[in-house]
Amino acid sequence: MKVTKLVSTCDLKDCPTIYATDRGTLLVQGETPGDHELDLPAHETVVEIPEQLFFDLIRKGLRGA
């Protein structure tokens, strides 16, 4: 899978980031919250990112990395 960084909160490797893939999907890097009350299947997870990251992505355009 080819992954392209679209938007991030910093240039380090451990910051919330949104990536595009060559599969037409998005990958989201962020903190894994332990205090959510979601009932997720074992093969899925949830991550938490700042909402500003989505605003930055919209401002830049989905493919405008």
Protein backbone atom coordinates (compact mmCIF):
# COMPACT_ATOMS: atom_id res chain seq x y z
CA MET A 1 0.00 0.00 0.00
CA LYS A 2 1.34 3.44 -0.94
CA VAL A 3 0.76 6.05 1.79
CA THR A 4 0.96 9.84 1.37
CA LYS A 5 0.89 12.29 4.29
CA LEU A 6 -1.90 14.82 3.78
CA VAL A 7 -1.84 16.89 6.96
CA SER A 8 -0.19 16.68 10.37
CA THR A 9 0.07 18.66 13.58
CA CYS A 10 3.89 18.54 13.41
CA ASP A 11 6.86 17.10 11.52
CA LEU A 12 7.65 14.39 14.09
CA LYS A 13 6.54 10.77 13.76
CA ASP A 14 4.35 10.73 16.89
CA CYS A 15 1.81 13.46 16.06
CA PRO A 16 -1.79 13.20 14.88
CA THR A 17 -1.66 12.81 11.10
CA ILE A 18 -4.02 11.98 8.22
CA TYR A 19 -2.68 9.95 5.28
CA ALA A 20 -4.16 8.99 1.90
CA THR A 21 -3.59 5.53 0.42
CA ASP A 22 -3.51 4.27 -3.14
CA ARG A 23 -6.59 2.20 -2.21
CA GLY A 24 -8.79 5.31 -2.03
CA THR A 25 -8.84 5.24 1.78
CA LEU A 26 -7.54 7.42 4.61
CA LEU A 27 -5.33 6.38 7.52
CA VAL A 28 -5.57 8.37 10.75
CA GLN A 29 -2.77 8.43 13.30
CA GLY A 30 -3.63 9.59 16.78
CA GLU A 31 -3.94 8.70 20.45
CA THR A 32 -5.86 5.56 21.40
CA PRO A 33 -8.30 6.72 24.07
CA GLY A 34 -9.10 4.22 26.79
CA ASP A 35 -12.07 6.04 28.24
CA HIS A 36 -14.54 5.78 25.34
CA GLU A 37 -17.75 3.82 25.77
CA LEU A 38 -17.88 2.42 22.24
CA ASP A 39 -18.56 -1.24 21.58
CA LEU A 40 -16.04 -1.97 18.82
CA PRO A 41 -15.40 -5.30 17.08
CA ALA A 42 -12.05 -6.89 17.97
CA HIS A 43 -10.63 -6.15 14.50
CA GLU A 44 -11.33 -2.38 14.72
CA THR A 45 -9.95 0.47 16.80
CA VAL A 46 -10.60 4.16 17.31
CA VAL A 47 -8.10 7.01 17.52
CA GLU A 48 -8.51 10.55 18.81
CA ILE A 49 -7.17 13.53 16.88
CA PRO A 50 -7.64 17.30 17.23
CA GLU A 51 -10.61 18.57 15.20
CA GLN A 52 -8.32 21.30 13.83
CA LEU A 53 -6.56 18.56 11.82
CA PHE A 54 -9.76 17.99 9.79
CA PHE A 55 -10.21 21.73 9.28
CA ASP A 56 -6.62 21.93 8.00
CA LEU A 57 -7.27 19.00 5.64
CA ILE A 58 -10.39 20.66 4.24
CA ARG A 59 -8.55 23.96 3.83
CA LYS A 60 -5.69 22.27 1.96
CA GLY A 61 -7.97 20.06 -0.13
CA LEU A 62 -8.12 16.29 0.24
CA ARG A 63 -5.24 15.64 -2.17
CA GLY A 64 -3.39 18.93 -1.68
CA ALA A 65 -0.56 17.66 0.51
